Amino acid sequence: MDDNYAKIVSTNTDRLFRKKGSAGQLAEFLPGKQEGDCVTFRAFGAPCRIGPDGVFLDGQKQEGPVGIIITLYALSARSAPCVVEPLKAFKDFPNSMPYAGAFAAYTQDALVPHVEKIRDAIPDIIRELDGQEVTAEVGGDFCFLIYPLPKIALCYIFYEADEDFPASVTCLYSGNASEFIPIDGLADVGEYTTKKIIGLLGSATQS
């Protein structure tokens, strides 16, 4: 399976950099910074470099699902800006139904056991994932908006447990997020952003 992932990442990067000078347009659209025939930007809270030699996140070559997500985002790059509002539920994007169950399980439900720790770690999460706290009008007991990729924003809304209801988590996307990555990749963005948040909880505890 790992070999299959690596082949997909390689195929996608070949498509991206097949044309001479493609790094310049890619840097404009992602957006990012051109460095020779490569482009650098932030992805999932870390420095990312994408070029003919592959995808590197925080200096480590990505030949798995994260590498695929980043190359799909790059292949879909366009000049349109991110339009955050109105925020949109994953199920409201076209053709999302086949991925809705996995999205709920891996993006939202996976965070439920961590709600209390997440509240304490909000400053670390929004700093690492280029985010901001959002107003109470969004709903929930607390919430924040983060950018795992430059033109895709995720709004996580948390409901703490009380005597009547268990804790729950809702994740909404920026309104035009599906313009910047295919729908299966959009679901994966949620899953791997959630994994990043859980990873940051450990770091916050240690610090």
N, C-alpha and C. Protein backbone atom coordinates (compact mmCIF):
# COMPACT_ATOMS: atom_id res chain seq x y z
N MET A 1 0.83 -1.21 0.00
CA MET A 1 0.00 0.00 0.00
C MET A 1 0.86 1.25 0.00
N ASP A 2 1.95 1.24 0.82
CA ASP A 2 2.83 2.40 0.86
C ASP A 2 3.42 2.69 -0.51
N ASP A 3 3.77 1.61 -1.26
CA ASP A 3 4.31 1.80 -2.61
C ASP A 3 3.28 2.44 -3.52
N ASN A 4 2.01 2.03 -3.36
CA ASN A 4 0.95 2.63 -4.17
C ASN A 4 0.80 4.11 -3.87
N TYR A 5 0.85 4.47 -2.59
CA TYR A 5 0.78 5.88 -2.22
C TYR A 5 1.94 6.65 -2.85
N ALA A 6 3.14 6.10 -2.74
CA ALA A 6 4.32 6.78 -3.27
C ALA A 6 4.21 6.99 -4.77
N LYS A 7 3.66 6.00 -5.47
CA LYS A 7 3.49 6.11 -6.92
C LYS A 7 2.51 7.23 -7.26
N ILE A 8 1.43 7.35 -6.46
CA ILE A 8 0.45 8.40 -6.72
C ILE A 8 1.08 9.77 -6.50
N VAL A 9 1.83 9.92 -5.41
CA VAL A 9 2.51 11.19 -5.15
C VAL A 9 3.46 11.53 -6.29
N SER A 10 4.22 10.53 -6.74
CA SER A 10 5.17 10.75 -7.83
C SER A 10 4.46 11.14 -9.12
N THR A 11 3.38 10.45 -9.44
CA THR A 11 2.62 10.76 -10.65
C THR A 11 2.06 12.17 -10.59
N ASN A 12 1.54 12.54 -9.41
CA ASN A 12 0.96 13.88 -9.27
C ASN A 12 2.01 14.98 -9.39
N THR A 13 3.18 14.77 -8.79
CA THR A 13 4.22 15.80 -8.89
C THR A 13 4.75 15.88 -10.32
N ASP A 14 4.81 14.76 -11.02
CA ASP A 14 5.21 14.79 -12.43
C ASP A 14 4.23 15.64 -13.24
N ARG A 15 2.95 15.48 -12.97
CA ARG A 15 1.94 16.29 -13.68
C ARG A 15 2.10 17.77 -13.36
N LEU A 16 2.40 18.06 -12.11
CA LEU A 16 2.51 19.46 -11.70
C LEU A 16 3.67 20.18 -12.36
N PHE A 17 4.80 19.49 -12.51
CA PHE A 17 6.02 20.16 -12.94
C PHE A 17 6.46 19.74 -14.35
N ARG A 18 5.52 19.20 -15.10
CA ARG A 18 5.82 18.76 -16.46
C ARG A 18 6.18 19.94 -17.36
N LYS A 19 5.48 21.05 -17.17
CA LYS A 19 5.70 22.23 -18.01
C LYS A 19 6.78 23.12 -17.41
N LYS A 20 7.65 23.62 -18.25
CA LYS A 20 8.69 24.54 -17.81
C LYS A 20 8.05 25.82 -17.25
N GLY A 21 8.55 26.27 -16.11
CA GLY A 21 8.03 27.49 -15.50
C GLY A 21 6.77 27.30 -14.69
N SER A 22 6.36 26.04 -14.48
CA SER A 22 5.10 25.80 -13.77
C SER A 22 5.17 26.22 -12.30
N ALA A 23 6.37 26.25 -11.72
CA ALA A 23 6.49 26.62 -10.31
C ALA A 23 6.00 28.05 -10.05
N GLY A 24 6.22 28.94 -11.01
CA GLY A 24 5.80 30.33 -10.82
C GLY A 24 4.30 30.46 -10.68
N GLN A 25 3.56 29.82 -11.57
CA GLN A 25 2.10 29.89 -11.50
C GLN A 25 1.59 29.18 -10.25
N LEU A 26 2.22 28.05 -9.92
CA LEU A 26 1.80 27.31 -8.74
C LEU A 26 1.99 28.15 -7.48
N ALA A 27 3.11 28.84 -7.39
CA ALA A 27 3.37 29.70 -6.23
C ALA A 27 2.30 30.79 -6.12
N GLU A 28 1.87 31.31 -7.25
CA GLU A 28 0.84 32.35 -7.24
C GLU A 28 -0.50 31.81 -6.78
N PHE A 29 -0.84 30.61 -7.23
CA PHE A 29 -2.18 30.07 -6.99
C PHE A 29 -2.33 29.39 -5.62
N LEU A 30 -1.27 28.78 -5.06
CA LEU A 30 -1.44 27.99 -3.83
C LEU A 30 -2.01 28.80 -2.65
N PRO A 31 -1.51 29.96 -2.25
CA PRO A 31 -0.30 30.63 -2.70
C PRO A 31 0.91 30.16 -1.90
N GLY A 32 2.10 30.47 -2.45
CA GLY A 32 3.34 30.11 -1.80
C GLY A 32 4.47 30.97 -2.32
N LYS A 33 5.68 30.52 -2.11
CA LYS A 33 6.87 31.26 -2.54
C LYS A 33 7.69 30.37 -3.46
N GLN A 34 8.02 30.89 -4.63
CA GLN A 34 8.83 30.12 -5.56
C GLN A 34 10.29 30.13 -5.11
N GLU A 35 10.89 28.95 -5.10
CA GLU A 35 12.31 28.80 -4.81
C GLU A 35 12.90 27.90 -5.89
N GLY A 36 13.42 28.50 -6.95
CA GLY A 36 13.90 27.72 -8.09
C GLY A 36 12.74 27.04 -8.78
N ASP A 37 12.84 25.71 -8.93
CA ASP A 37 11.74 24.97 -9.56
C ASP A 37 10.81 24.35 -8.52
N CYS A 38 10.89 24.84 -7.28
CA CYS A 38 10.03 24.35 -6.20
C CYS A 38 9.16 25.49 -5.65
N VAL A 39 8.17 25.11 -4.85
CA VAL A 39 7.30 26.08 -4.19
C VAL A 39 7.23 25.73 -2.71
N THR A 40 7.34 26.74 -1.85
CA THR A 40 7.21 26.53 -0.42
C THR A 40 5.97 27.24 0.10
N PHE A 41 5.32 26.63 1.08
CA PHE A 41 4.14 27.20 1.72
C PHE A 41 3.92 26.43 3.01
N ARG A 42 2.87 26.74 3.74
CA ARG A 42 2.58 26.00 4.97
C ARG A 42 1.44 25.03 4.72
N ALA A 43 1.60 23.82 5.27
CA ALA A 43 0.57 22.79 5.16
C ALA A 43 0.50 22.02 6.47
N PHE A 44 -0.69 21.88 6.99
CA PHE A 44 -0.90 21.15 8.24
C PHE A 44 0.04 21.63 9.35
N GLY A 45 0.22 22.95 9.40
CA GLY A 45 0.97 23.56 10.47
C GLY A 45 2.47 23.41 10.39
N ALA A 46 3.00 23.09 9.20
CA ALA A 46 4.44 22.90 9.06
C ALA A 46 4.92 23.48 7.73
N PRO A 47 6.21 23.82 7.63
CA PRO A 47 6.75 24.26 6.35
C PRO A 47 6.68 23.12 5.33
N CYS A 48 6.22 23.44 4.13
CA CYS A 48 6.06 22.44 3.08
C CYS A 48 6.81 22.91 1.83
N ARG A 49 7.47 21.96 1.19
CA ARG A 49 8.10 22.24 -0.10
C ARG A 49 7.63 21.19 -1.09
N ILE A 50 7.18 21.65 -2.24
CA ILE A 50 6.76 20.74 -3.29
C ILE A 50 7.53 21.07 -4.56
N GLY A 51 8.07 20.05 -5.20
CA GLY A 51 8.87 20.24 -6.39
C GLY A 51 8.97 18.95 -7.19
N PRO A 52 9.75 18.94 -8.25
CA PRO A 52 9.87 17.74 -9.07
C PRO A 52 10.37 16.53 -8.30
N ASP A 53 11.08 16.77 -7.18
CA ASP A 53 11.60 15.65 -6.39
C ASP A 53 10.64 15.17 -5.32
N GLY A 54 9.43 15.75 -5.27
CA GLY A 54 8.44 15.24 -4.33
C GLY A 54 7.90 16.30 -3.39
N VAL A 55 7.28 15.83 -2.32
CA VAL A 55 6.67 16.68 -1.31
C VAL A 55 7.41 16.49 0.01
N PHE A 56 7.80 17.60 0.63
CA PHE A 56 8.52 17.53 1.89
C PHE A 56 7.80 18.40 2.91
N LEU A 57 7.44 17.79 4.03
CA LEU A 57 6.74 18.50 5.09
C LEU A 57 7.63 18.51 6.33
N ASP A 58 8.00 19.72 6.75
CA ASP A 58 8.92 19.87 7.87
C ASP A 58 10.21 19.07 7.63
N GLY A 59 10.65 19.06 6.35
CA GLY A 59 11.90 18.41 5.98
C GLY A 59 11.79 16.93 5.69
N GLN A 60 10.63 16.31 5.93
CA GLN A 60 10.46 14.88 5.73
C GLN A 60 9.66 14.61 4.46
N LYS A 61 10.20 13.73 3.62
CA LYS A 61 9.51 13.41 2.37
C LYS A 61 8.20 12.70 2.65
N GLN A 62 7.16 13.14 1.97
CA GLN A 62 5.82 12.60 2.17
C GLN A 62 5.45 11.69 1.00
N GLU A 63 5.41 10.40 1.29
CA GLU A 63 5.04 9.43 0.26
C GLU A 63 3.82 8.61 0.67
N GLY A 64 3.03 9.19 1.57
CA GLY A 64 1.81 8.55 2.03
C GLY A 64 0.61 9.43 1.80
N PRO A 65 -0.46 9.24 2.58
CA PRO A 65 -1.69 10.00 2.37
C PRO A 65 -1.52 11.51 2.42
N VAL A 66 -0.67 12.02 3.32
CA VAL A 66 -0.49 13.48 3.39
C VAL A 66 0.14 14.01 2.11
N GLY A 67 1.09 13.26 1.55
CA GLY A 67 1.68 13.66 0.28
C GLY A 67 0.65 13.70 -0.83
N ILE A 68 -0.27 12.74 -0.82
CA ILE A 68 -1.33 12.73 -1.83
C ILE A 68 -2.24 13.94 -1.66
N ILE A 69 -2.64 14.23 -0.41
CA ILE A 69 -3.50 15.39 -0.16
C ILE A 69 -2.86 16.67 -0.68
N ILE A 70 -1.58 16.86 -0.38
CA ILE A 70 -0.91 18.09 -0.78
C ILE A 70 -0.79 18.19 -2.29
N THR A 71 -0.51 17.08 -2.96
CA THR A 71 -0.42 17.13 -4.43
C THR A 71 -1.79 17.34 -5.06
N LEU A 72 -2.83 16.78 -4.47
CA LEU A 72 -4.18 17.03 -5.00
C LEU A 72 -4.55 18.50 -4.85
N TYR A 73 -4.19 19.08 -3.72
CA TYR A 73 -4.42 20.52 -3.52
C TYR A 73 -3.66 21.32 -4.56
N ALA A 74 -2.41 20.96 -4.81
CA ALA A 74 -1.60 21.69 -5.79
C ALA A 74 -2.15 21.53 -7.20
N LEU A 75 -2.61 20.33 -7.54
CA LEU A 75 -3.18 20.10 -8.87
C LEU A 75 -4.46 20.90 -9.09
N SER A 76 -5.17 21.20 -8.01
CA SER A 76 -6.42 21.96 -8.11
C SER A 76 -6.22 23.45 -7.95
N ALA A 77 -4.96 23.90 -7.79
CA ALA A 77 -4.68 25.31 -7.49
C ALA A 77 -5.24 26.22 -8.57
N ARG A 78 -5.81 27.32 -8.13
CA ARG A 78 -6.38 28.31 -9.04
C ARG A 78 -6.31 29.68 -8.40
N SER A 79 -6.62 30.70 -9.15
CA SER A 79 -6.44 32.07 -8.66
C SER A 79 -7.54 32.50 -7.70
N ALA A 80 -8.66 31.80 -7.65
CA ALA A 80 -9.77 32.21 -6.79
C ALA A 80 -9.35 32.27 -5.33
N PRO A 81 -9.88 33.23 -4.57
CA PRO A 81 -9.55 33.31 -3.14
C PRO A 81 -10.38 32.34 -2.31
N CYS A 82 -9.92 32.06 -1.10
CA CYS A 82 -10.72 31.31 -0.14
C CYS A 82 -11.88 32.19 0.31
N VAL A 83 -13.09 31.66 0.24
CA VAL A 83 -14.28 32.36 0.74
C VAL A 83 -14.76 31.58 1.96
N VAL A 84 -14.53 32.13 3.13
CA VAL A 84 -14.80 31.38 4.35
C VAL A 84 -16.29 31.22 4.61
N GLU A 85 -17.03 32.31 4.50
CA GLU A 85 -18.45 32.26 4.84
C GLU A 85 -19.33 32.33 3.60
N PRO A 86 -20.46 31.65 3.62
CA PRO A 86 -20.96 30.87 4.75
C PRO A 86 -20.22 29.55 4.91
N LEU A 87 -19.94 29.18 6.15
CA LEU A 87 -19.32 27.89 6.43
C LEU A 87 -20.26 26.78 5.96
N LYS A 88 -19.67 25.65 5.60
CA LYS A 88 -20.47 24.58 5.00
C LYS A 88 -20.12 23.23 5.63
N ALA A 89 -21.14 22.46 5.95
CA ALA A 89 -20.94 21.10 6.44
C ALA A 89 -20.43 20.22 5.30
N PHE A 90 -19.62 19.24 5.64
CA PHE A 90 -19.07 18.36 4.61
C PHE A 90 -20.19 17.73 3.78
N LYS A 91 -21.26 17.31 4.43
CA LYS A 91 -22.34 16.62 3.72
C LYS A 91 -23.04 17.51 2.70
N ASP A 92 -22.84 18.82 2.80
CA ASP A 92 -23.50 19.74 1.87
C ASP A 92 -22.70 19.99 0.60
N PHE A 93 -21.48 19.43 0.52
CA PHE A 93 -20.72 19.53 -0.72
C PHE A 93 -21.20 18.47 -1.70
N PRO A 94 -21.23 18.77 -3.00
CA PRO A 94 -21.66 17.77 -3.98
C PRO A 94 -20.80 16.51 -3.92
N ASN A 95 -21.45 15.37 -4.09
CA ASN A 95 -20.78 14.06 -4.19
C ASN A 95 -20.04 13.65 -2.92
N SER A 96 -20.47 14.19 -1.78
CA SER A 96 -19.79 13.88 -0.52
C SER A 96 -20.32 12.63 0.18
N MET A 97 -21.49 12.14 -0.23
CA MET A 97 -22.14 11.06 0.50
C MET A 97 -21.26 9.83 0.71
N PRO A 98 -20.50 9.35 -0.29
CA PRO A 98 -19.70 8.15 -0.06
C PRO A 98 -18.63 8.31 1.02
N TYR A 99 -18.28 9.54 1.34
CA TYR A 99 -17.20 9.80 2.30
C TYR A 99 -17.72 10.35 3.62
N ALA A 100 -19.03 10.53 3.74
CA ALA A 100 -19.60 11.20 4.91
C ALA A 100 -19.38 10.42 6.20
N GLY A 101 -19.52 9.09 6.14
CA GLY A 101 -19.34 8.28 7.34
C GLY A 101 -17.92 8.35 7.87
N ALA A 102 -16.96 8.21 6.96
CA ALA A 102 -15.56 8.28 7.36
C ALA A 102 -15.22 9.67 7.88
N PHE A 103 -15.76 10.70 7.24
CA PHE A 103 -15.53 12.06 7.71
C PHE A 103 -16.01 12.23 9.14
N ALA A 104 -17.22 11.79 9.42
CA ALA A 104 -17.77 11.93 10.78
C ALA A 104 -16.92 11.18 11.80
N ALA A 105 -16.48 9.99 11.44
CA ALA A 105 -15.71 9.17 12.38
C ALA A 105 -14.32 9.72 12.63
N TYR A 106 -13.62 10.06 11.55
CA TYR A 106 -12.19 10.38 11.67
C TYR A 106 -11.89 11.87 11.88
N THR A 107 -12.84 12.73 11.49
CA THR A 107 -12.62 14.16 11.66
C THR A 107 -13.30 14.69 12.91
N GLN A 108 -14.52 14.25 13.18
CA GLN A 108 -15.30 14.80 14.29
C GLN A 108 -15.27 13.90 15.53
N ASP A 109 -15.73 12.66 15.38
CA ASP A 109 -15.86 11.78 16.54
C ASP A 109 -14.51 11.49 17.19
N ALA A 110 -13.44 11.47 16.40
CA ALA A 110 -12.11 11.17 16.95
C ALA A 110 -11.67 12.20 17.99
N LEU A 111 -12.25 13.41 17.94
CA LEU A 111 -11.87 14.46 18.88
C LEU A 111 -12.70 14.47 20.16
N VAL A 112 -13.80 13.74 20.17
CA VAL A 112 -14.71 13.80 21.32
C VAL A 112 -14.02 13.47 22.64
N PRO A 113 -13.16 12.43 22.72
CA PRO A 113 -12.50 12.14 24.01
C PRO A 113 -11.53 13.22 24.46
N HIS A 114 -11.20 14.16 23.59
CA HIS A 114 -10.16 15.15 23.89
C HIS A 114 -10.71 16.57 24.10
N VAL A 115 -12.02 16.72 24.19
CA VAL A 115 -12.61 18.06 24.20
C VAL A 115 -12.04 18.93 25.31
N GLU A 116 -11.93 18.39 26.53
CA GLU A 116 -11.43 19.20 27.65
C GLU A 116 -9.99 19.65 27.41
N LYS A 117 -9.15 18.75 26.91
CA LYS A 117 -7.76 19.11 26.64
C LYS A 117 -7.66 20.14 25.52
N ILE A 118 -8.54 20.02 24.54
CA ILE A 118 -8.51 20.95 23.41
C ILE A 118 -8.81 22.36 23.87
N ARG A 119 -9.76 22.52 24.77
CA ARG A 119 -10.07 23.87 25.28
C ARG A 119 -8.81 24.52 25.86
N ASP A 120 -8.06 23.76 26.62
CA ASP A 120 -6.84 24.30 27.25
C ASP A 120 -5.74 24.57 26.23
N ALA A 121 -5.78 23.86 25.11
CA ALA A 121 -4.71 23.96 24.11
C ALA A 121 -5.04 24.90 22.96
N ILE A 122 -6.16 25.63 23.03
CA ILE A 122 -6.56 26.49 21.91
C ILE A 122 -5.44 27.42 21.45
N PRO A 123 -4.73 28.12 22.35
CA PRO A 123 -3.68 29.02 21.86
C PRO A 123 -2.61 28.30 21.04
N ASP A 124 -2.23 27.10 21.46
CA ASP A 124 -1.23 26.32 20.71
C ASP A 124 -1.78 25.89 19.35
N ILE A 125 -3.03 25.46 19.33
CA ILE A 125 -3.63 24.96 18.09
C ILE A 125 -3.75 26.07 17.05
N ILE A 126 -4.26 27.23 17.46
CA ILE A 126 -4.45 28.30 16.47
C ILE A 126 -3.11 28.88 16.04
N ARG A 127 -2.12 28.83 16.91
CA ARG A 127 -0.79 29.32 16.51
C ARG A 127 -0.16 28.37 15.49
N GLU A 128 -0.23 27.08 15.76
CA GLU A 128 0.42 26.10 14.89
C GLU A 128 -0.31 25.93 13.56
N LEU A 129 -1.62 26.12 13.55
CA LEU A 129 -2.41 25.88 12.35
C LEU A 129 -2.96 27.17 11.75
N ASP A 130 -2.26 28.28 12.01
CA ASP A 130 -2.56 29.54 11.34
C ASP A 130 -4.03 29.93 11.50
N GLY A 131 -4.51 29.84 12.72
CA GLY A 131 -5.94 30.05 12.93
C GLY A 131 -6.29 31.22 13.80
N GLN A 132 -7.54 31.21 14.25
CA GLN A 132 -8.07 32.27 15.10
C GLN A 132 -9.30 31.74 15.83
N GLU A 133 -9.56 32.31 17.00
CA GLU A 133 -10.82 32.00 17.66
C GLU A 133 -11.93 32.71 16.91
N VAL A 134 -13.12 32.14 16.94
CA VAL A 134 -14.26 32.75 16.25
C VAL A 134 -15.36 33.06 17.24
N THR A 135 -16.29 33.89 16.83
CA THR A 135 -17.31 34.40 17.73
C THR A 135 -18.29 33.30 18.14
N ALA A 136 -18.96 33.56 19.23
CA ALA A 136 -19.93 32.60 19.77
C ALA A 136 -21.11 32.39 18.83
N GLU A 137 -21.28 33.28 17.85
CA GLU A 137 -22.40 33.15 16.91
C GLU A 137 -22.33 31.84 16.13
N VAL A 138 -21.13 31.29 15.99
CA VAL A 138 -20.97 30.02 15.27
C VAL A 138 -21.64 28.90 16.04
N GLY A 139 -21.66 29.00 17.36
CA GLY A 139 -22.30 27.99 18.19
C GLY A 139 -21.30 27.23 19.02
N GLY A 140 -21.80 26.29 19.81
CA GLY A 140 -20.94 25.47 20.64
C GLY A 140 -20.50 26.17 21.91
N ASP A 141 -19.76 25.44 22.74
CA ASP A 141 -19.20 26.01 23.96
C ASP A 141 -17.90 26.75 23.66
N PHE A 142 -17.17 26.30 22.65
CA PHE A 142 -16.00 27.03 22.15
C PHE A 142 -15.72 26.56 20.74
N CYS A 143 -14.99 27.37 19.98
CA CYS A 143 -14.74 27.03 18.59
C CYS A 143 -13.53 27.80 18.08
N PHE A 144 -12.97 27.33 16.99
CA PHE A 144 -11.87 28.06 16.35
C PHE A 144 -11.83 27.72 14.87
N LEU A 145 -11.18 28.60 14.12
CA LEU A 145 -11.02 28.45 12.68
C LEU A 145 -9.53 28.28 12.39
N ILE A 146 -9.18 27.26 11.62
CA ILE A 146 -7.78 27.01 11.31
C ILE A 146 -7.62 26.72 9.81
N TYR A 147 -6.37 26.87 9.34
CA TYR A 147 -6.08 26.70 7.92
C TYR A 147 -5.03 25.59 7.74
N PRO A 148 -5.47 24.35 7.53
CA PRO A 148 -4.51 23.28 7.27
C PRO A 148 -3.80 23.46 5.92
N LEU A 149 -4.46 24.11 4.99
CA LEU A 149 -3.91 24.47 3.69
C LEU A 149 -4.28 25.93 3.41
N PRO A 150 -3.48 26.64 2.63
CA PRO A 150 -3.69 28.09 2.54
C PRO A 150 -5.08 28.55 2.14
N LYS A 151 -5.77 27.79 1.29
CA LYS A 151 -7.08 28.23 0.82
C LYS A 151 -8.22 27.34 1.32
N ILE A 152 -7.94 26.51 2.32
CA ILE A 152 -8.98 25.67 2.91
C ILE A 152 -9.01 25.91 4.41
N ALA A 153 -10.13 26.44 4.90
CA ALA A 153 -10.30 26.70 6.33
C ALA A 153 -11.26 25.69 6.92
N LEU A 154 -10.99 25.29 8.15
CA LEU A 154 -11.87 24.40 8.90
C LEU A 154 -12.28 25.08 10.19
N CYS A 155 -13.56 25.06 10.49
CA CYS A 155 -14.07 25.60 11.74
C CYS A 155 -14.52 24.43 12.61
N TYR A 156 -13.84 24.24 13.73
CA TYR A 156 -14.19 23.19 14.67
C TYR A 156 -15.03 23.79 15.78
N ILE A 157 -16.18 23.17 16.04
CA ILE A 157 -17.12 23.64 17.05
C ILE A 157 -17.28 22.53 18.10
N PHE A 158 -17.06 22.88 19.36
CA PHE A 158 -17.02 21.89 20.44
C PHE A 158 -18.16 22.12 21.44
N TYR A 159 -18.80 21.02 21.80
CA TYR A 159 -19.83 21.03 22.83
C TYR A 159 -19.34 20.15 23.97
N GLU A 160 -19.21 20.75 25.15
CA GLU A 160 -18.73 20.00 26.30
C GLU A 160 -19.85 19.15 26.90
N ALA A 161 -19.46 18.06 27.55
CA ALA A 161 -20.45 17.18 28.17
C ALA A 161 -21.13 17.88 29.33
N ASP A 162 -22.41 17.59 29.50
CA ASP A 162 -23.12 18.04 30.70
C ASP A 162 -23.99 16.89 31.19
N GLU A 163 -24.86 17.16 32.15
CA GLU A 163 -25.64 16.06 32.75
C GLU A 163 -26.66 15.47 31.79
N ASP A 164 -26.93 16.18 30.70
CA ASP A 164 -27.94 15.69 29.76
C ASP A 164 -27.35 15.13 28.47
N PHE A 165 -26.21 15.67 28.03
CA PHE A 165 -25.67 15.29 26.73
C PHE A 165 -24.17 15.01 26.82
N PRO A 166 -23.70 14.06 26.03
CA PRO A 166 -22.25 13.83 25.97
C PRO A 166 -21.57 14.91 25.14
N ALA A 167 -20.25 14.96 25.22
CA ALA A 167 -19.49 15.91 24.39
C ALA A 167 -19.67 15.57 22.92
N SER A 168 -19.54 16.59 22.07
CA SER A 168 -19.62 16.35 20.63
C SER A 168 -18.80 17.41 19.91
N VAL A 169 -18.48 17.11 18.66
CA VAL A 169 -17.65 17.99 17.84
C VAL A 169 -18.25 18.09 16.45
N THR A 170 -18.31 19.30 15.92
CA THR A 170 -18.74 19.54 14.55
C THR A 170 -17.60 20.24 13.81
N CYS A 171 -17.35 19.83 12.58
CA CYS A 171 -16.34 20.49 11.76
C CYS A 171 -17.00 21.01 10.49
N LEU A 172 -16.86 22.30 10.24
CA LEU A 172 -17.38 22.93 9.04
C LEU A 172 -16.22 23.43 8.17
N TYR A 173 -16.46 23.52 6.88
CA TYR A 173 -15.43 23.98 5.94
C TYR A 173 -15.74 25.38 5.45
N SER A 174 -14.70 26.06 5.00
CA SER A 174 -14.91 27.32 4.27
C SER A 174 -15.82 27.04 3.08
N GLY A 175 -16.64 28.03 2.76
CA GLY A 175 -17.74 27.80 1.82
C GLY A 175 -17.34 27.27 0.46
N ASN A 176 -16.17 27.65 -0.05
CA ASN A 176 -15.77 27.18 -1.38
C ASN A 176 -14.58 26.22 -1.33
N ALA A 177 -14.43 25.50 -0.23
CA ALA A 177 -13.29 24.60 -0.06
C ALA A 177 -13.20 23.55 -1.17
N SER A 178 -14.34 23.11 -1.68
CA SER A 178 -14.32 22.05 -2.69
C SER A 178 -13.78 22.53 -4.03
N GLU A 179 -13.56 23.85 -4.19
CA GLU A 179 -12.96 24.35 -5.42
C GLU A 179 -11.46 24.06 -5.47
N PHE A 180 -10.87 23.73 -4.32
CA PHE A 180 -9.42 23.65 -4.23
C PHE A 180 -8.88 22.25 -4.04
N ILE A 181 -9.75 21.25 -4.02
CA ILE A 181 -9.31 19.86 -3.88
C ILE A 181 -10.51 18.97 -4.18
N PRO A 182 -10.31 17.78 -4.77
CA PRO A 182 -11.43 16.86 -5.01
C PRO A 182 -12.08 16.45 -3.68
N ILE A 183 -13.32 15.99 -3.76
CA ILE A 183 -14.11 15.75 -2.56
C ILE A 183 -13.50 14.69 -1.66
N ASP A 184 -12.87 13.65 -2.20
CA ASP A 184 -12.25 12.65 -1.34
C ASP A 184 -11.05 13.25 -0.61
N GLY A 185 -10.31 14.11 -1.30
CA GLY A 185 -9.21 14.81 -0.66
C GLY A 185 -9.70 15.77 0.42
N LEU A 186 -10.86 16.38 0.19
CA LEU A 186 -11.42 17.30 1.18
C LEU A 186 -11.75 16.56 2.48
N ALA A 187 -12.29 15.36 2.35
CA ALA A 187 -12.54 14.54 3.55
C ALA A 187 -11.23 14.22 4.26
N ASP A 188 -10.20 13.89 3.50
CA ASP A 188 -8.90 13.57 4.09
C ASP A 188 -8.27 14.78 4.77
N VAL A 189 -8.49 15.97 4.24
CA VAL A 189 -7.99 17.18 4.91
C VAL A 189 -8.53 17.25 6.33
N GLY A 190 -9.82 16.96 6.49
CA GLY A 190 -10.41 16.96 7.82
C GLY A 190 -9.78 15.92 8.72
N GLU A 191 -9.61 14.70 8.21
CA GLU A 191 -9.04 13.62 9.02
C GLU A 191 -7.63 13.96 9.49
N TYR A 192 -6.80 14.44 8.58
CA TYR A 192 -5.40 14.67 8.95
C TYR A 192 -5.22 15.97 9.74
N THR A 193 -6.16 16.90 9.63
CA THR A 193 -6.14 18.06 10.51
C THR A 193 -6.48 17.64 11.93
N THR A 194 -7.46 16.77 12.06
CA THR A 194 -7.81 16.23 13.38
C THR A 194 -6.63 15.49 14.00
N LYS A 195 -5.93 14.69 13.20
CA LYS A 195 -4.74 13.99 13.72
C LYS A 195 -3.69 14.99 14.18
N LYS A 196 -3.54 16.08 13.45
CA LYS A 196 -2.58 17.11 13.84
C LYS A 196 -2.99 17.73 15.18
N ILE A 197 -4.27 18.02 15.35
CA ILE A 197 -4.75 18.59 16.61
C ILE A 197 -4.46 17.65 17.77
N ILE A 198 -4.75 16.37 17.58
CA ILE A 198 -4.50 15.39 18.65
C ILE A 198 -3.00 15.33 18.96
N GLY A 199 -2.18 15.39 17.93
CA GLY A 199 -0.73 15.40 18.14
C GLY A 199 -0.27 16.61 18.93
N LEU A 200 -0.89 17.75 18.66
CA LEU A 200 -0.53 18.98 19.39
C LEU A 200 -0.92 18.91 20.86
N LEU A 201 -1.92 18.13 21.20
CA LEU A 201 -2.32 18.00 22.60
C LEU A 201 -1.19 17.38 23.42
N GLY A 202 -0.52 16.41 22.83
CA GLY A 202 0.62 15.80 23.52
C GLY A 202 1.74 16.78 23.72
N SER A 203 1.99 17.59 22.68
CA SER A 203 3.06 18.59 22.76
C SER A 203 2.73 19.64 23.82
N ALA A 204 1.47 20.05 23.87
CA ALA A 204 1.07 21.06 24.85
C ALA A 204 1.22 20.54 26.28
N THR A 205 0.89 19.24 26.47
CA THR A 205 1.03 18.64 27.79
C THR A 205 2.47 18.61 28.25
N GLN A 206 3.37 18.26 27.32
CA GLN A 206 4.80 18.19 27.63
C GLN A 206 5.38 19.54 27.95
N SER A 207 4.91 20.59 27.24
CA SER A 207 5.45 21.92 27.47
C SER A 207 4.89 22.54 28.75
